[in-house]
Each structure stands twice: as structure tokens, then as C-alpha cells.
């Protein structure tokens, strides 16, 4: 039997809500992509500009700094390596 796909709560009604994601590597990029699919506005920031640009092509907003990503966002997700 096929497994039902989970839906994101409030999909389609989230365009006025911005979620900032700091660190869009393996984990952060996946979360950002799912949020974009659900209709959320995502603002992404990463030390590697190509990672941000990949999400911009999917509809995210890019930010050059963590402060720029967080400005005006209703929520912030940080996916960074403690190195």
C-alpha cells in the first residue's frame, strides 16, 4: 500500500510568514526546500554562496549575512557545524 505523503500545516497560507535559515548545507537545504514547497517565504544564508543560490532558484530569498536573513523573519532555524 502506498504511503501517504505528509503535508505541511497551513500550506498555501504562509506567504506572509518568513522563516530565516542560517546554514543551508545538507540538513538546512532540505528543510528550506520543504518549507518552500509548503508556501512559506524562506530567507537563506550560508558561508557558501552557491548553496544559497541553489535555493534562490527554488524561490527562496538570499541573504549575505545571518543578521540580514533574520531581519523581519518570524522564525529562525540555525543549522551550523560546531567546528
N, C-alpha and C. Protein backbone atom coordinates (compact mmCIF):
# COMPACT_ATOMS: atom_id res chain seq x y z
N UNK A 1 0.85 -1.17 0.00
CA UNK A 1 0.00 0.00 0.00
C UNK A 1 0.90 1.24 0.00
N UNK A 2 0.63 2.23 -0.88
CA UNK A 2 1.46 3.44 -0.90
C UNK A 2 1.29 4.25 0.37
N UNK A 3 2.38 4.81 0.79
CA UNK A 3 2.37 5.63 1.99
C UNK A 3 1.89 7.04 1.66
N UNK A 4 1.02 7.57 2.48
CA UNK A 4 0.52 8.93 2.26
C UNK A 4 1.63 9.93 2.52
N UNK A 5 1.71 10.94 1.68
CA UNK A 5 2.71 11.97 1.85
C UNK A 5 2.25 12.96 2.90
N UNK A 6 3.14 13.30 3.79
CA UNK A 6 2.81 14.27 4.84
C UNK A 6 2.64 15.65 4.24
N UNK A 7 1.71 16.41 4.75
CA UNK A 7 1.53 17.77 4.27
C UNK A 7 2.03 18.74 5.32
N UNK A 8 2.44 19.88 4.86
CA UNK A 8 2.90 20.92 5.78
C UNK A 8 1.68 21.70 6.25
N UNK A 9 1.57 21.88 7.55
CA UNK A 9 0.44 22.57 8.14
C UNK A 9 0.34 23.99 7.58
N UNK A 10 -0.83 24.34 7.13
CA UNK A 10 -1.07 25.69 6.65
C UNK A 10 -0.53 25.96 5.26
N UNK A 11 -0.24 24.92 4.50
CA UNK A 11 0.33 25.11 3.16
C UNK A 11 -0.52 26.07 2.34
N UNK A 12 0.14 26.99 1.67
CA UNK A 12 -0.55 27.95 0.83
C UNK A 12 -0.99 29.21 1.55
N UNK A 13 -0.97 29.19 2.87
CA UNK A 13 -1.40 30.37 3.63
C UNK A 13 -0.21 31.04 4.33
N UNK A 14 0.99 30.70 3.93
CA UNK A 14 2.16 31.12 4.69
C UNK A 14 3.03 32.15 3.99
N UNK A 15 2.53 32.72 2.90
CA UNK A 15 3.36 33.63 2.13
C UNK A 15 3.71 34.90 2.90
N UNK A 16 2.93 35.26 3.92
CA UNK A 16 3.25 36.44 4.71
C UNK A 16 4.14 36.11 5.90
N UNK A 17 4.55 34.87 6.04
CA UNK A 17 5.41 34.43 7.12
C UNK A 17 6.79 34.10 6.55
N UNK A 18 7.83 34.68 7.14
CA UNK A 18 9.19 34.45 6.67
C UNK A 18 9.96 33.66 7.71
N UNK A 19 10.61 32.61 7.24
CA UNK A 19 11.48 31.80 8.09
C UNK A 19 12.90 31.97 7.58
N UNK A 20 13.80 32.40 8.44
CA UNK A 20 15.21 32.53 8.10
C UNK A 20 15.91 31.21 8.42
N UNK A 21 16.72 30.76 7.50
CA UNK A 21 17.52 29.56 7.74
C UNK A 21 18.99 29.92 7.57
N UNK A 22 19.72 29.79 8.66
CA UNK A 22 21.15 30.06 8.66
C UNK A 22 21.85 28.71 8.56
N UNK A 23 22.58 28.52 7.46
CA UNK A 23 23.25 27.24 7.21
C UNK A 23 22.37 26.36 6.36
N UNK A 24 22.63 26.36 5.05
CA UNK A 24 21.80 25.58 4.13
C UNK A 24 22.64 24.50 3.44
N UNK A 25 23.32 23.73 4.27
CA UNK A 25 24.04 22.56 3.77
C UNK A 25 23.05 21.41 3.62
N UNK A 26 23.48 20.21 3.91
CA UNK A 26 22.63 19.02 3.72
C UNK A 26 21.31 19.11 4.47
N UNK A 27 21.35 19.47 5.73
CA UNK A 27 20.12 19.50 6.53
C UNK A 27 19.31 20.77 6.27
N UNK A 28 19.96 21.91 6.32
CA UNK A 28 19.25 23.18 6.15
C UNK A 28 18.61 23.34 4.78
N UNK A 29 19.30 22.87 3.74
CA UNK A 29 18.75 22.98 2.38
C UNK A 29 17.50 22.13 2.23
N UNK A 30 17.51 20.95 2.82
CA UNK A 30 16.34 20.08 2.76
C UNK A 30 15.15 20.70 3.47
N UNK A 31 15.39 21.28 4.64
CA UNK A 31 14.30 21.93 5.36
C UNK A 31 13.77 23.13 4.57
N UNK A 32 14.69 23.91 4.01
CA UNK A 32 14.28 25.08 3.23
C UNK A 32 13.44 24.67 2.03
N UNK A 33 13.85 23.63 1.33
CA UNK A 33 13.11 23.18 0.15
C UNK A 33 11.69 22.73 0.52
N UNK A 34 11.55 22.02 1.62
CA UNK A 34 10.22 21.57 2.06
C UNK A 34 9.34 22.75 2.46
N UNK A 35 9.93 23.73 3.13
CA UNK A 35 9.16 24.92 3.51
C UNK A 35 8.71 25.69 2.28
N UNK A 36 9.58 25.81 1.29
CA UNK A 36 9.20 26.48 0.04
C UNK A 36 8.06 25.73 -0.64
N UNK A 37 8.12 24.41 -0.65
CA UNK A 37 7.04 23.60 -1.23
C UNK A 37 5.72 23.87 -0.51
N UNK A 38 5.79 24.15 0.77
CA UNK A 38 4.60 24.39 1.57
C UNK A 38 4.09 25.82 1.50
N UNK A 39 4.74 26.66 0.70
CA UNK A 39 4.26 28.01 0.54
C UNK A 39 4.86 29.04 1.48
N UNK A 40 5.83 28.66 2.27
CA UNK A 40 6.48 29.59 3.18
C UNK A 40 7.47 30.47 2.43
N UNK A 41 7.69 31.66 2.94
CA UNK A 41 8.77 32.51 2.45
C UNK A 41 10.01 32.14 3.25
N UNK A 42 11.07 31.78 2.53
CA UNK A 42 12.32 31.35 3.18
C UNK A 42 13.42 32.33 2.79
N UNK A 43 14.17 32.78 3.79
CA UNK A 43 15.35 33.62 3.56
C UNK A 43 16.56 32.83 4.03
N UNK A 44 17.47 32.54 3.11
CA UNK A 44 18.59 31.65 3.38
C UNK A 44 19.92 32.38 3.44
N UNK A 45 20.80 31.90 4.31
CA UNK A 45 22.15 32.44 4.44
C UNK A 45 23.12 31.29 4.68
N UNK A 46 24.27 31.34 4.02
CA UNK A 46 25.29 30.31 4.21
C UNK A 46 26.64 30.91 3.84
N UNK A 47 27.70 30.35 4.37
CA UNK A 47 29.05 30.80 4.01
C UNK A 47 29.37 30.47 2.56
N UNK A 48 28.72 29.45 2.01
CA UNK A 48 28.94 29.03 0.62
C UNK A 48 27.82 29.62 -0.23
N UNK A 49 28.15 30.63 -1.02
CA UNK A 49 27.14 31.35 -1.80
C UNK A 49 26.38 30.44 -2.76
N UNK A 50 27.03 29.43 -3.31
CA UNK A 50 26.36 28.54 -4.27
C UNK A 50 25.19 27.80 -3.62
N UNK A 51 25.29 27.50 -2.34
CA UNK A 51 24.18 26.83 -1.64
C UNK A 51 22.96 27.75 -1.56
N UNK A 52 23.21 29.01 -1.28
CA UNK A 52 22.12 29.98 -1.21
C UNK A 52 21.51 30.15 -2.60
N UNK A 53 22.34 30.27 -3.63
CA UNK A 53 21.85 30.46 -4.99
C UNK A 53 20.99 29.30 -5.46
N UNK A 54 21.33 28.08 -5.04
CA UNK A 54 20.51 26.92 -5.41
C UNK A 54 19.10 27.06 -4.84
N UNK A 55 18.98 27.59 -3.63
CA UNK A 55 17.66 27.79 -3.03
C UNK A 55 16.95 28.99 -3.63
N UNK A 56 17.69 30.01 -4.01
CA UNK A 56 17.09 31.17 -4.68
C UNK A 56 16.42 30.71 -5.97
N UNK A 57 17.05 29.78 -6.68
CA UNK A 57 16.45 29.25 -7.90
C UNK A 57 15.14 28.52 -7.62
N UNK A 58 14.98 28.03 -6.39
CA UNK A 58 13.74 27.35 -6.00
C UNK A 58 12.69 28.33 -5.46
N UNK A 59 13.09 29.59 -5.28
CA UNK A 59 12.13 30.58 -4.80
C UNK A 59 12.47 31.24 -3.48
N UNK A 60 13.57 30.85 -2.86
CA UNK A 60 13.98 31.46 -1.59
C UNK A 60 14.55 32.85 -1.83
N UNK A 61 14.61 33.62 -0.77
CA UNK A 61 15.32 34.89 -0.78
C UNK A 61 16.72 34.63 -0.24
N UNK A 62 17.72 35.22 -0.84
CA UNK A 62 19.09 35.06 -0.36
C UNK A 62 19.47 36.21 0.56
N UNK A 63 20.33 35.92 1.51
CA UNK A 63 20.84 36.95 2.42
C UNK A 63 22.35 36.77 2.55
N UNK A 64 23.07 37.87 2.59
CA UNK A 64 24.53 37.83 2.67
C UNK A 64 25.04 37.56 4.08
N UNK A 65 24.22 37.91 5.08
CA UNK A 65 24.65 37.75 6.48
C UNK A 65 23.52 37.11 7.29
N UNK A 66 23.88 36.49 8.41
CA UNK A 66 22.83 35.96 9.28
C UNK A 66 21.87 37.06 9.77
N UNK A 67 22.40 38.24 10.06
CA UNK A 67 21.54 39.34 10.50
C UNK A 67 20.57 39.74 9.39
N UNK A 68 21.04 39.73 8.15
CA UNK A 68 20.18 40.05 7.03
C UNK A 68 19.08 39.02 6.84
N UNK A 69 19.42 37.76 7.07
CA UNK A 69 18.42 36.70 6.96
C UNK A 69 17.38 36.81 8.06
N UNK A 70 17.81 37.15 9.25
CA UNK A 70 16.91 37.19 10.40
C UNK A 70 16.03 38.43 10.45
N UNK A 71 16.46 39.50 9.80
CA UNK A 71 15.72 40.77 9.88
C UNK A 71 14.29 40.60 9.37
N UNK A 72 13.34 40.82 10.24
CA UNK A 72 11.94 40.75 9.87
C UNK A 72 11.35 39.36 9.80
N UNK A 73 12.14 38.34 10.05
CA UNK A 73 11.63 36.96 10.00
C UNK A 73 10.83 36.65 11.26
N UNK A 74 9.82 35.80 11.09
CA UNK A 74 9.01 35.39 12.24
C UNK A 74 9.64 34.21 12.98
N UNK A 75 10.55 33.50 12.31
CA UNK A 75 11.23 32.37 12.94
C UNK A 75 12.61 32.23 12.34
N UNK A 76 13.52 31.63 13.09
CA UNK A 76 14.89 31.43 12.63
C UNK A 76 15.30 29.99 12.93
N UNK A 77 15.89 29.36 11.94
CA UNK A 77 16.43 28.00 12.10
C UNK A 77 17.92 28.08 11.84
N UNK A 78 18.73 27.58 12.76
CA UNK A 78 20.18 27.57 12.58
C UNK A 78 20.66 26.14 12.44
N UNK A 79 21.29 25.85 11.31
CA UNK A 79 21.85 24.52 11.04
C UNK A 79 23.32 24.70 10.73
N UNK A 80 24.10 24.83 11.78
CA UNK A 80 25.52 25.11 11.60
C UNK A 80 26.37 24.05 12.28
N UNK A 81 27.59 23.94 11.80
CA UNK A 81 28.54 22.98 12.36
C UNK A 81 29.31 23.67 13.49
N UNK A 82 29.46 22.98 14.57
CA UNK A 82 30.28 23.50 15.67
C UNK A 82 31.72 23.07 15.44
N UNK A 83 32.42 23.86 14.66
CA UNK A 83 33.81 23.50 14.31
C UNK A 83 34.79 24.43 14.95
